[in-house]
Amino acid sequence: MRVFFCDHHRVPLPKGHPFPMEKYGLLREELVRSGVLAAEELEPAPAAPIEALLAVHEAAYVEAVLARTLDAAAVKRVGFPWSEGLVARTLASVGGTLAATEAALAGGSADGRRFAIAGNLAGGTHHAHAGFGSGYCVFNDVAVAAVRALERGDVRRVLVLDLDVHQGDGTAALFAADERVFTVSLHGARNFPARKERSDLDVALPDRTGDEPYLAALREALGRALELAHPDLAFVQGGVDPLATDRLGRLSLTHAGLEARDRLALTTLHRYAIPIVLTLGGGYARPIEDTVRAHVATYRVAKELERGG
């Protein structure tokens, strides 16, 4: 499996900032230490080309991000203090998803017997809209990668399966008028953002949903999405913030429930021979080891399917 990473943990954040930037470095280390991934399966993420960003985001916004000229209100909406490190992180985060998309499309086999999957140990920045960032998301990596694959003619139809506890509002808005992309979001009904966009399929879940109702909802959503979308490529935004110990989650899933979520999603997509791109998304658990453990489990499921597929 080809998995891309960038050094997110090197971006300086002020003391007390709620975003767990250190999880990225910890995750990379744990994936190798636990034997889930071999060190040679991990590759540095390239920076996203500017033209790929401009295919999705407004030129004035892209220019302001790169030149560090966003106004204070726009910076506050993103949620990160601006720095050169943040710009480099952002470009690598998008670049990692672009590279993983190419790897997934190049992998597998024509008859679907070999599991075609690749990942980005970042990304899933689904709150970024065309002209602004939000909720710790600057550019929308999944949207950029999906549009690039479509414009190159690599695929005709794309599925975005967003399993973060927060609705993928930016992704939904970006593809609202694009019939080539089918967006699905399973999220907490009362969670961020307060103003939801309309995905092609939204499943809004109540607080304290728990494992079994969540899995039942996912199973139904997957069936409907595949029936309607007929995708050639799937992006799975695997946020682990539905976890019970997550500070922002409130859906009360256990580690076993999250792993069952990943197994259900990935196995179903593999059954239809759909190449898969994994991105991380949210994870704010205390202790942070819970977040890392949950992300590792996603890749453990993927590797098991890769070996058996």
C-alpha atoms as a PDB file:
ATOM      1  CA  MET A   1       0.000   0.000   0.000  1.00  0.00           C
ATOM      2  CA  ARG A   2       1.237   3.484  -0.802  1.00  0.00           C
ATOM      3  CA  VAL A   3       0.553   5.968   1.994  1.00  0.00           C
ATOM      4  CA  PHE A   4       1.652   9.596   1.985  1.00  0.00           C
ATOM      5  CA  PHE A   5       2.546  11.784   4.948  1.00  0.00           C
ATOM      6  CA  CYS A   6       3.646  15.307   5.768  1.00  0.00           C
ATOM      7  CA  ASP A   7       5.219  16.691   8.930  1.00  0.00           C
ATOM      8  CA  HIS A   8       2.102  18.304  10.395  1.00  0.00           C
ATOM      9  CA  HIS A   9       3.513  18.131  13.891  1.00  0.00           C
ATOM     10  CA  ARG A  10       6.128  20.735  12.953  1.00  0.00           C
ATOM     11  CA  VAL A  11       3.526  23.481  12.524  1.00  0.00           C
ATOM     12  CA  PRO A  12       3.739  25.711  15.603  1.00  0.00           C
ATOM     13  CA  LEU A  13       0.506  26.257  17.492  1.00  0.00           C
ATOM     14  CA  PRO A  14       0.090  28.378  20.612  1.00  0.00           C
ATOM     15  CA  LYS A  15      -0.119  26.643  23.967  1.00  0.00           C
ATOM     16  CA  GLY A  16      -3.651  25.515  24.697  1.00  0.00           C
ATOM     17  CA  HIS A  17      -4.743  25.405  21.038  1.00  0.00           C
ATOM     18  CA  PRO A  18      -7.410  22.667  20.753  1.00  0.00           C
ATOM     19  CA  PHE A  19      -6.160  21.081  17.521  1.00  0.00           C
ATOM     20  CA  PRO A  20      -4.053  17.948  18.215  1.00  0.00           C
ATOM     21  CA  MET A  21      -1.311  18.569  15.639  1.00  0.00           C
ATOM     22  CA  GLU A  22       0.949  16.022  17.310  1.00  0.00           C
ATOM     23  CA  LYS A  23      -1.359  13.153  16.338  1.00  0.00           C
ATOM     24  CA  TYR A  24       0.094  13.039  12.833  1.00  0.00           C
ATOM     25  CA  GLY A  25       3.614  12.273  13.928  1.00  0.00           C
ATOM     26  CA  LEU A  26       2.391   9.832  16.568  1.00  0.00           C
ATOM     27  CA  LEU A  27       0.241   8.028  14.018  1.00  0.00           C
ATOM     28  CA  ARG A  28       3.051   7.606  11.550  1.00  0.00           C
ATOM     29  CA  GLU A  29       5.316   6.209  14.258  1.00  0.00           C
ATOM     30  CA  GLU A  30       2.669   3.822  15.580  1.00  0.00           C
ATOM     31  CA  LEU A  31       1.753   2.462  12.157  1.00  0.00           C
ATOM     32  CA  VAL A  32       5.350   1.346  11.673  1.00  0.00           C
ATOM     33  CA  ARG A  33       5.994   0.299  15.283  1.00  0.00           C
ATOM     34  CA  SER A  34       2.898  -1.904  15.327  1.00  0.00           C
ATOM     35  CA  GLY A  35       3.757  -3.490  11.993  1.00  0.00           C
ATOM     36  CA  VAL A  36       0.555  -2.325  10.293  1.00  0.00           C
ATOM     37  CA  LEU A  37       2.629  -0.546   7.640  1.00  0.00           C
ATOM     38  CA  ALA A  38       6.235  -1.097   6.644  1.00  0.00           C
ATOM     39  CA  ALA A  39       8.423   1.992   6.637  1.00  0.00           C
ATOM     40  CA  GLU A  40       8.885   1.701   2.878  1.00  0.00           C
ATOM     41  CA  GLU A  41       5.125   1.990   2.362  1.00  0.00           C
ATOM     42  CA  LEU A  42       5.235   5.565   3.682  1.00  0.00           C
ATOM     43  CA  GLU A  43       6.200   8.340   1.281  1.00  0.00           C
ATOM     44  CA  PRO A  44       6.567  12.108   1.751  1.00  0.00           C
ATOM     45  CA  ALA A  45       3.627  13.971   0.293  1.00  0.00           C
ATOM     46  CA  PRO A  46       4.399  16.328  -2.585  1.00  0.00           C
ATOM     47  CA  ALA A  47       3.104  19.884  -2.541  1.00  0.00           C
ATOM     48  CA  ALA A  48      -0.130  20.331  -4.459  1.00  0.00           C
ATOM     49  CA  PRO A  49       0.269  22.208  -7.738  1.00  0.00           C
ATOM     50  CA  ILE A  50      -1.401  25.595  -7.743  1.00  0.00           C
ATOM     51  CA  GLU A  51      -3.401  24.827 -10.879  1.00  0.00           C
ATOM     52  CA  ALA A  52      -5.075  21.917  -9.090  1.00  0.00           C
ATOM     53  CA  LEU A  53      -6.179  24.235  -6.284  1.00  0.00           C
ATOM     54  CA  LEU A  54      -7.516  26.773  -8.780  1.00  0.00           C
ATOM     55  CA  ALA A  55      -9.740  24.128 -10.360  1.00  0.00           C
ATOM     56  CA  VAL A  56     -11.755  24.083  -7.121  1.00  0.00           C
ATOM     57  CA  HIS A  57     -11.016  27.239  -5.131  1.00  0.00           C
ATOM     58  CA  GLU A  58     -11.468  30.896  -6.022  1.00  0.00           C
ATOM     59  CA  ALA A  59      -8.280  32.493  -7.308  1.00  0.00           C
ATOM     60  CA  ALA A  60      -8.417  35.401  -4.861  1.00  0.00           C
ATOM     61  CA  TYR A  61      -8.673  32.994  -1.926  1.00  0.00           C
ATOM     62  CA  VAL A  62      -5.807  30.792  -3.126  1.00  0.00           C
ATOM     63  CA  GLU A  63      -3.629  33.862  -3.658  1.00  0.00           C
ATOM     64  CA  ALA A  64      -4.436  35.230  -0.202  1.00  0.00           C
ATOM     65  CA  VAL A  65      -3.562  31.910   1.457  1.00  0.00           C
ATOM     66  CA  LEU A  66      -0.240  31.581  -0.335  1.00  0.00           C
ATOM     67  CA  ALA A  67       0.684  35.231   0.201  1.00  0.00           C
ATOM     68  CA  ARG A  68      -0.449  35.137   3.848  1.00  0.00           C
ATOM     69  CA  THR A  69      -2.766  38.107   3.264  1.00  0.00           C
ATOM     70  CA  LEU A  70      -6.031  36.660   4.579  1.00  0.00           C
ATOM     71  CA  ASP A  71      -7.802  39.123   6.825  1.00  0.00           C
ATOM     72  CA  ALA A  72      -8.199  38.457  10.536  1.00  0.00           C
ATOM     73  CA  ALA A  73     -11.801  37.254  10.209  1.00  0.00           C
ATOM     74  CA  ALA A  74     -10.850  34.704   7.551  1.00  0.00           C
ATOM     75  CA  VAL A  75      -7.937  33.439   9.637  1.00  0.00           C
ATOM     76  CA  LYS A  76     -10.196  33.118  12.684  1.00  0.00           C
ATOM     77  CA  ARG A  77     -12.708  31.125  10.640  1.00  0.00           C
ATOM     78  CA  VAL A  78      -9.984  28.659   9.622  1.00  0.00           C
ATOM     79  CA  GLY A  79      -8.904  28.345  13.243  1.00  0.00           C
ATOM     80  CA  PHE A  80      -5.116  28.248  12.819  1.00  0.00           C
ATOM     81  CA  PRO A  81      -2.615  31.073  13.342  1.00  0.00           C
ATOM     82  CA  TRP A  82      -1.008  31.827   9.995  1.00  0.00           C
ATOM     83  CA  SER A  83       2.614  30.836   9.344  1.00  0.00           C
ATOM     84  CA  GLU A  84       4.904  29.606   6.589  1.00  0.00           C
ATOM     85  CA  GLY A  85       4.693  26.175   8.184  1.00  0.00           C
ATOM     86  CA  LEU A  86       0.915  26.184   7.899  1.00  0.00           C
ATOM     87  CA  VAL A  87       1.064  27.030   4.187  1.00  0.00           C
ATOM     88  CA  ALA A  88       3.569  24.221   3.592  1.00  0.00           C
ATOM     89  CA  ARG A  89       1.415  21.830   5.637  1.00  0.00           C
ATOM     90  CA  THR A  90      -1.678  22.783   3.672  1.00  0.00           C
ATOM     91  CA  LEU A  91      -0.044  22.224   0.279  1.00  0.00           C
ATOM     92  CA  ALA A  92       1.389  18.879   1.400  1.00  0.00           C
ATOM     93  CA  SER A  93      -1.950  17.799   2.848  1.00  0.00           C
ATOM     94  CA  VAL A  94      -3.669  18.370  -0.497  1.00  0.00           C
ATOM     95  CA  GLY A  95      -0.689  16.947  -2.368  1.00  0.00           C
ATOM     96  CA  GLY A  96      -0.868  13.766  -0.316  1.00  0.00           C
ATOM     97  CA  THR A  97      -4.457  13.149  -1.385  1.00  0.00           C
ATOM     98  CA  LEU A  98      -3.609  13.890  -5.019  1.00  0.00           C
ATOM     99  CA  ALA A  99      -0.736  11.394  -4.864  1.00  0.00           C
ATOM    100  CA  ALA A 100      -2.859   8.779  -3.087  1.00  0.00           C
ATOM    101  CA  THR A 101      -5.544   9.151  -5.761  1.00  0.00           C
ATOM    102  CA  GLU A 102      -3.036   8.459  -8.519  1.00  0.00           C
ATOM    103  CA  ALA A 103      -1.700   5.480  -6.572  1.00  0.00           C
ATOM    104  CA  ALA A 104      -5.168   4.006  -5.997  1.00  0.00           C
ATOM    105  CA  LEU A 105      -6.101   4.378  -9.654  1.00  0.00           C
ATOM    106  CA  ALA A 106      -2.830   2.757 -10.724  1.00  0.00           C
ATOM    107  CA  GLY A 107      -3.213  -0.152  -8.305  1.00  0.00           C
ATOM    108  CA  GLY A 108      -5.516  -3.125  -8.288  1.00  0.00           C
ATOM    109  CA  SER A 109      -6.376  -5.133 -11.371  1.00  0.00           C
ATOM    110  CA  ALA A 110      -8.904  -4.910 -14.168  1.00  0.00           C
ATOM    111  CA  ASP A 111     -11.043  -7.681 -12.685  1.00  0.00           C
ATOM    112  CA  GLY A 112     -10.950  -6.148  -9.202  1.00  0.00           C
ATOM    113  CA  ARG A 113      -9.114  -9.077  -7.628  1.00  0.00           C
ATOM    114  CA  ARG A 114      -6.335  -6.956  -6.198  1.00  0.00           C
ATOM    115  CA  PHE A 115      -7.379  -4.390  -3.592  1.00  0.00           C
ATOM    116  CA  ALA A 116      -6.811  -0.929  -5.063  1.00  0.00           C
ATOM    117  CA  ILE A 117      -6.286   1.403  -2.110  1.00  0.00           C
ATOM    118  CA  ALA A 118      -3.935   4.194  -1.069  1.00  0.00           C
ATOM    119  CA  GLY A 119      -3.942   6.709   1.738  1.00  0.00           C
ATOM    120  CA  ASN A 120      -2.962  10.088   3.060  1.00  0.00           C
ATOM    121  CA  LEU A 121      -2.018  10.433   6.731  1.00  0.00           C
ATOM    122  CA  ALA A 122      -3.650  13.862   6.607  1.00  0.00           C
ATOM    123  CA  GLY A 123      -6.369  15.420   4.523  1.00  0.00           C
ATOM    124  CA  GLY A 124     -10.100  15.035   4.873  1.00  0.00           C
ATOM    125  CA  THR A 125     -10.363  18.839   5.051  1.00  0.00           C
ATOM    126  CA  HIS A 126     -14.056  18.830   4.265  1.00  0.00           C
ATOM    127  CA  HIS A 127     -15.054  22.195   5.749  1.00  0.00           C
ATOM    128  CA  ALA A 128     -13.123  24.204   3.133  1.00  0.00           C
ATOM    129  CA  HIS A 129     -15.378  25.931   0.596  1.00  0.00           C
ATOM    130  CA  ALA A 130     -14.539  27.515  -2.748  1.00  0.00           C
ATOM    131  CA  GLY A 131     -13.719  30.924  -1.335  1.00  0.00           C
ATOM    132  CA  PHE A 132     -12.989  30.388   2.352  1.00  0.00           C
ATOM    133  CA  GLY A 133     -11.611  27.944   4.862  1.00  0.00           C
ATOM    134  CA  SER A 134     -13.322  26.814   8.045  1.00  0.00           C
ATOM    135  CA  GLY A 135     -13.024  24.414  10.945  1.00  0.00           C
ATOM    136  CA  TYR A 136      -9.250  23.769  10.629  1.00  0.00           C
ATOM    137  CA  CYS A 137      -9.615  23.243   6.862  1.00  0.00           C
ATOM    138  CA  VAL A 138      -7.844  25.575   4.415  1.00  0.00           C
ATOM    139  CA  PHE A 139      -8.205  23.839   1.036  1.00  0.00           C
ATOM    140  CA  ASN A 140     -10.513  20.901   0.323  1.00  0.00           C
ATOM    141  CA  ASP A 141      -8.109  18.089  -0.566  1.00  0.00           C
ATOM    142  CA  VAL A 142     -10.767  15.526  -1.510  1.00  0.00           C
ATOM    143  CA  ALA A 143     -12.513  17.988  -3.819  1.00  0.00           C
ATOM    144  CA  VAL A 144      -9.227  18.962  -5.466  1.00  0.00           C
ATOM    145  CA  ALA A 145      -8.271  15.315  -6.042  1.00  0.00           C
ATOM    146  CA  ALA A 146     -11.731  14.341  -7.291  1.00  0.00           C
ATOM    147  CA  VAL A 147     -11.868  17.193  -9.799  1.00  0.00           C
ATOM    148  CA  ARG A 148      -8.358  16.428 -11.047  1.00  0.00           C
ATOM    149  CA  ALA A 149      -9.223  12.751 -11.633  1.00  0.00           C
ATOM    150  CA  LEU A 150     -12.419  13.717 -13.440  1.00  0.00           C
ATOM    151  CA  GLU A 151     -10.804  16.397 -15.595  1.00  0.00           C
ATOM    152  CA  ARG A 152      -8.020  14.042 -16.628  1.00  0.00           C
ATOM    153  CA  GLY A 153     -10.583  11.472 -17.678  1.00  0.00           C
ATOM    154  CA  ASP A 154      -9.282   8.896 -15.192  1.00  0.00           C
ATOM    155  CA  VAL A 155     -12.816   8.347 -13.872  1.00  0.00           C
ATOM    156  CA  ARG A 156     -16.358   9.322 -14.787  1.00  0.00           C
ATOM    157  CA  ARG A 157     -18.103   9.089 -11.413  1.00  0.00           C
ATOM    158  CA  VAL A 158     -16.811   9.675  -7.876  1.00  0.00           C
ATOM    159  CA  LEU A 159     -18.205   8.783  -4.463  1.00  0.00           C
ATOM    160  CA  VAL A 160     -17.227  10.796  -1.387  1.00  0.00           C
ATOM    161  CA  LEU A 161     -18.049   8.834   1.758  1.00  0.00           C
ATOM    162  CA  ASP A 162     -17.604  11.199   4.679  1.00  0.00           C
ATOM    163  CA  LEU A 163     -17.625   9.413   8.047  1.00  0.00           C
ATOM    164  CA  ASP A 164     -16.394  12.280  10.192  1.00  0.00           C
ATOM    165  CA  VAL A 165     -18.690  13.268  13.050  1.00  0.00           C
ATOM    166  CA  HIS A 166     -18.994  16.735  11.468  1.00  0.00           C
ATOM    167  CA  GLN A 167     -20.890  17.207   8.225  1.00  0.00           C
ATOM    168  CA  GLY A 168     -18.729  17.635   5.127  1.00  0.00           C
ATOM    169  CA  ASP A 169     -20.322  20.972   4.357  1.00  0.00           C
ATOM    170  CA  GLY A 170     -17.555  22.301   2.119  1.00  0.00           C
ATOM    171  CA  THR A 171     -17.479  19.176  -0.015  1.00  0.00           C
ATOM    172  CA  ALA A 172     -21.272  19.139  -0.286  1.00  0.00           C
ATOM    173  CA  ALA A 173     -21.362  22.784  -1.395  1.00  0.00           C
ATOM    174  CA  LEU A 174     -18.543  22.375  -3.917  1.00  0.00           C
ATOM    175  CA  PHE A 175     -20.276  19.472  -5.660  1.00  0.00           C
ATOM    176  CA  ALA A 176     -23.898  20.535  -5.226  1.00  0.00           C
ATOM    177  CA  ALA A 177     -24.293  21.103  -8.969  1.00  0.00           C
ATOM    178  CA  ASP A 178     -21.869  18.425 -10.186  1.00  0.00           C
ATOM    179  CA  GLU A 179     -23.652  15.183 -11.043  1.00  0.00           C
ATOM    180  CA  ARG A 180     -20.323  13.390 -11.490  1.00  0.00           C
ATOM    181  CA  VAL A 181     -19.698  13.425  -7.730  1.00  0.00           C
ATOM    182  CA  PHE A 182     -22.022  11.797  -5.198  1.00  0.00           C
ATOM    183  CA  THR A 183     -21.493  13.056  -1.651  1.00  0.00           C
ATOM    184  CA  VAL A 184     -22.505  11.093   1.441  1.00  0.00           C
ATOM    185  CA  SER A 185     -22.140  12.398   4.987  1.00  0.00           C
ATOM    186  CA  LEU A 186     -22.827  10.448   8.201  1.00  0.00           C
ATOM    187  CA  HIS A 187     -22.575  12.993  10.984  1.00  0.00           C
ATOM    188  CA  GLY A 188     -23.906  14.228  14.286  1.00  0.00           C
ATOM    189  CA  ALA A 189     -27.119  16.162  13.751  1.00  0.00           C
ATOM    190  CA  ARG A 190     -26.325  18.686  16.489  1.00  0.00           C
ATOM    191  CA  ASN A 191     -22.614  19.037  15.789  1.00  0.00           C
ATOM    192  CA  PHE A 192     -20.528  21.544  13.811  1.00  0.00           C
ATOM    193  CA  PRO A 193     -21.245  23.230  11.461  1.00  0.00           C
ATOM    194  CA  ALA A 194     -24.381  24.890  12.751  1.00  0.00           C
ATOM    195  CA  ARG A 195     -25.482  25.613   9.192  1.00  0.00           C
ATOM    196  CA  LYS A 196     -25.415  22.397   7.203  1.00  0.00           C
ATOM    197  CA  GLU A 197     -25.145  22.163   3.438  1.00  0.00           C
ATOM    198  CA  ARG A 198     -27.056  19.567   1.426  1.00  0.00           C
ATOM    199  CA  SER A 199     -25.073  16.475   0.446  1.00  0.00           C
ATOM    200  CA  ASP A 200     -26.499  14.046  -2.087  1.00  0.00           C
ATOM    201  CA  LEU A 201     -27.154  11.819   0.924  1.00  0.00           C
ATOM    202  CA  ASP A 202     -27.064  13.140   4.482  1.00  0.00           C
ATOM    203  CA  VAL A 203     -27.513  10.878   7.490  1.00  0.00           C
ATOM    204  CA  ALA A 204     -27.828  13.077  10.582  1.00  0.00           C
ATOM    205  CA  LEU A 205     -27.485  11.031  13.761  1.00  0.00           C
ATOM    206  CA  PRO A 206     -28.548  11.910  17.313  1.00  0.00           C
ATOM    207  CA  ASP A 207     -26.127  12.292  20.206  1.00  0.00           C
ATOM    208  CA  ARG A 208     -25.121   8.996  21.875  1.00  0.00           C
ATOM    209  CA  THR A 209     -26.116   6.951  18.823  1.00  0.00           C
ATOM    210  CA  GLY A 210     -23.813   4.044  19.720  1.00  0.00           C
ATOM    211  CA  ASP A 211     -22.305   1.245  17.652  1.00  0.00           C
ATOM    212  CA  GLU A 212     -25.219  -0.819  16.372  1.00  0.00           C
ATOM    213  CA  PRO A 213     -27.537   2.000  15.244  1.00  0.00           C
ATOM    214  CA  TYR A 214     -24.559   3.711  13.608  1.00  0.00           C
ATOM    215  CA  LEU A 215     -23.574   0.593  11.676  1.00  0.00           C
ATOM    216  CA  ALA A 216     -27.157   0.009  10.581  1.00  0.00           C
ATOM    217  CA  ALA A 217     -27.346   3.581   9.270  1.00  0.00           C
ATOM    218  CA  LEU A 218     -24.033   3.201   7.445  1.00  0.00           C
ATOM    219  CA  ARG A 219     -25.098  -0.090   5.871  1.00  0.00           C
ATOM    220  CA  GLU A 220     -28.277   1.492   4.528  1.00  0.00           C
ATOM    221  CA  ALA A 221     -26.444   4.608   3.310  1.00  0.00           C
ATOM    222  CA  LEU A 222     -23.812   2.559   1.489  1.00  0.00           C
ATOM    223  CA  GLY A 223     -26.470   0.544  -0.285  1.00  0.00           C
ATOM    224  CA  ARG A 224     -28.328   3.639  -1.432  1.00  0.00           C
ATOM    225  CA  ALA A 225     -25.168   5.463  -2.467  1.00  0.00           C
ATOM    226  CA  LEU A 226     -23.793   2.642  -4.576  1.00  0.00           C
ATOM    227  CA  GLU A 227     -27.167   2.127  -6.212  1.00  0.00           C
ATOM    228  CA  LEU A 228     -27.372   5.796  -7.173  1.00  0.00           C
ATOM    229  CA  ALA A 229     -23.740   6.766  -7.737  1.00  0.00           C
ATOM    230  CA  HIS A 230     -22.123   3.913  -9.729  1.00  0.00           C
ATOM    231  CA  PRO A 231     -18.662   5.303  -8.854  1.00  0.00           C
ATOM    232  CA  ASP A 232     -15.323   4.544 -10.485  1.00  0.00           C
ATOM    233  CA  LEU A 233     -13.467   5.918  -7.443  1.00  0.00           C
ATOM    234  CA  ALA A 234     -14.282   6.421  -3.761  1.00  0.00           C
ATOM    235  CA  PHE A 235     -12.821   8.806  -1.216  1.00  0.00           C
ATOM    236  CA  VAL A 236     -13.347   7.691   2.383  1.00  0.00           C
ATOM    237  CA  GLN A 237     -12.977  10.494   4.906  1.00  0.00           C
ATOM    238  CA  GLY A 238     -12.308   8.387   7.978  1.00  0.00           C
ATOM    239  CA  GLY A 239     -12.574  10.855  10.815  1.00  0.00           C
ATOM    240  CA  VAL A 240     -12.377   9.053  14.152  1.00  0.00           C
ATOM    241  CA  ASP A 241     -14.230  11.719  16.126  1.00  0.00           C
ATOM    242  CA  PRO A 242     -17.388   9.569  16.495  1.00  0.00           C
ATOM    243  CA  LEU A 243     -15.370   7.847  19.258  1.00  0.00           C
ATOM    244  CA  ALA A 244     -16.877   8.013  22.749  1.00  0.00           C
ATOM    245  CA  THR A 245     -13.754   9.611  24.245  1.00  0.00           C
ATOM    246  CA  ASP A 246     -13.612  12.328  21.592  1.00  0.00           C
ATOM    247  CA  ARG A 247     -14.097  15.819  22.993  1.00  0.00           C
ATOM    248  CA  LEU A 248     -16.107  16.947  19.947  1.00  0.00           C
ATOM    249  CA  GLY A 249     -17.871  13.745  18.927  1.00  0.00           C
ATOM    250  CA  ARG A 250     -20.926  12.867  21.038  1.00  0.00           C
ATOM    251  CA  LEU A 251     -21.873   9.781  18.983  1.00  0.00           C
ATOM    252  CA  SER A 252     -20.463   7.390  21.617  1.00  0.00           C
ATOM    253  CA  LEU A 253     -18.883   4.777  19.346  1.00  0.00           C
ATOM    254  CA  THR A 254     -16.440   2.283  20.844  1.00  0.00           C
ATOM    255  CA  HIS A 255     -13.132   1.326  19.274  1.00  0.00           C
ATOM    256  CA  ALA A 256     -14.750  -1.920  18.149  1.00  0.00           C
ATOM    257  CA  GLY A 257     -17.599   0.040  16.590  1.00  0.00           C
ATOM    258  CA  LEU A 258     -15.235   2.315  14.686  1.00  0.00           C
ATOM    259  CA  GLU A 259     -13.274  -0.660  13.406  1.00  0.00           C
ATOM    260  CA  ALA A 260     -16.530  -2.311  12.317  1.00  0.00           C
ATOM    261  CA  ARG A 261     -17.420   0.942  10.518  1.00  0.00           C
ATOM    262  CA  ASP A 262     -14.171   0.848   8.575  1.00  0.00           C
ATOM    263  CA  ARG A 263     -14.506  -2.840   7.791  1.00  0.00           C
ATOM    264  CA  LEU A 264     -18.072  -2.392   6.530  1.00  0.00           C
ATOM    265  CA  ALA A 265     -17.192   0.602   4.347  1.00  0.00           C
ATOM    266  CA  LEU A 266     -13.976  -0.767   2.862  1.00  0.00           C
ATOM    267  CA  THR A 267     -15.236  -4.306   2.349  1.00  0.00           C
ATOM    268  CA  THR A 268     -18.358  -3.047   0.584  1.00  0.00           C
ATOM    269  CA  LEU A 269     -16.390  -0.794  -1.761  1.00  0.00           C
ATOM    270  CA  HIS A 270     -13.904  -3.577  -2.469  1.00  0.00           C
ATOM    271  CA  ARG A 271     -16.749  -5.940  -3.293  1.00  0.00           C
ATOM    272  CA  TYR A 272     -17.686  -3.550  -6.100  1.00  0.00           C
ATOM    273  CA  ALA A 273     -14.015  -3.276  -7.231  1.00  0.00           C
ATOM    274  CA  ILE A 274     -13.966   0.470  -6.550  1.00  0.00           C
ATOM    275  CA  PRO A 275     -10.503   2.021  -5.969  1.00  0.00           C
ATOM    276  CA  ILE A 276     -10.335   3.699  -2.565  1.00  0.00           C
ATOM    277  CA  VAL A 277      -8.498   6.761  -1.269  1.00  0.00           C
ATOM    278  CA  LEU A 278      -8.275   7.051   2.527  1.00  0.00           C
ATOM    279  CA  THR A 279      -7.964  10.398   4.284  1.00  0.00           C
ATOM    280  CA  LEU A 280      -7.921  11.056   8.026  1.00  0.00           C
ATOM    281  CA  GLY A 281     -10.307  13.782   9.050  1.00  0.00           C
ATOM    282  CA  GLY A 282     -10.995  14.637  12.682  1.00  0.00           C
ATOM    283  CA  GLY A 283      -9.901  13.085  15.934  1.00  0.00           C
ATOM    284  CA  TYR A 284      -9.823  15.001  19.239  1.00  0.00           C
ATOM    285  CA  ALA A 285      -9.896  12.296  21.889  1.00  0.00           C
ATOM    286  CA  ARG A 286      -8.441  12.532  25.354  1.00  0.00           C
ATOM    287  CA  PRO A 287      -6.109  10.813  25.759  1.00  0.00           C
ATOM    288  CA  ILE A 288      -4.667  11.399  22.287  1.00  0.00           C
ATOM    289  CA  GLU A 289      -3.629   7.748  22.206  1.00  0.00           C
ATOM    290  CA  ASP A 290      -7.300   6.897  21.605  1.00  0.00           C
ATOM    291  CA  THR A 291      -7.271   8.947  18.414  1.00  0.00           C
ATOM    292  CA  VAL A 292      -4.043   7.346  17.216  1.00  0.00           C
ATOM    293  CA  ARG A 293      -5.340   3.853  18.045  1.00  0.00           C
ATOM    294  CA  ALA A 294      -8.512   4.458  16.041  1.00  0.00           C
ATOM    295  CA  HIS A 295      -6.644   5.755  12.985  1.00  0.00           C
ATOM    296  CA  VAL A 296      -4.249   2.792  13.165  1.00  0.00           C
ATOM    297  CA  ALA A 297      -7.238   0.438  13.178  1.00  0.00           C
ATOM    298  CA  THR A 298      -8.463   1.934   9.894  1.00  0.00           C
ATOM    299  CA  TYR A 299      -5.183   1.044   8.234  1.00  0.00           C
ATOM    300  CA  ARG A 300      -5.114  -2.373   9.878  1.00  0.00           C
ATOM    301  CA  VAL A 301      -8.477  -3.151   8.260  1.00  0.00           C
ATOM    302  CA  ALA A 302      -7.227  -1.846   4.916  1.00  0.00           C
ATOM    303  CA  LYS A 303      -4.059  -3.954   5.072  1.00  0.00           C
ATOM    304  CA  GLU A 304      -6.013  -7.098   5.946  1.00  0.00           C
ATOM    305  CA  LEU A 305      -8.228  -6.536   2.915  1.00  0.00           C
ATOM    306  CA  GLU A 306      -5.220  -5.789   0.727  1.00  0.00           C
ATOM    307  CA  ARG A 307      -3.555  -9.062   1.732  1.00  0.00           C
ATOM    308  CA  GLY A 308      -6.733 -11.044   1.244  1.00  0.00           C
ATOM    309  CA  GLY A 309      -8.003  -9.227  -1.822  1.00  0.00           C
END
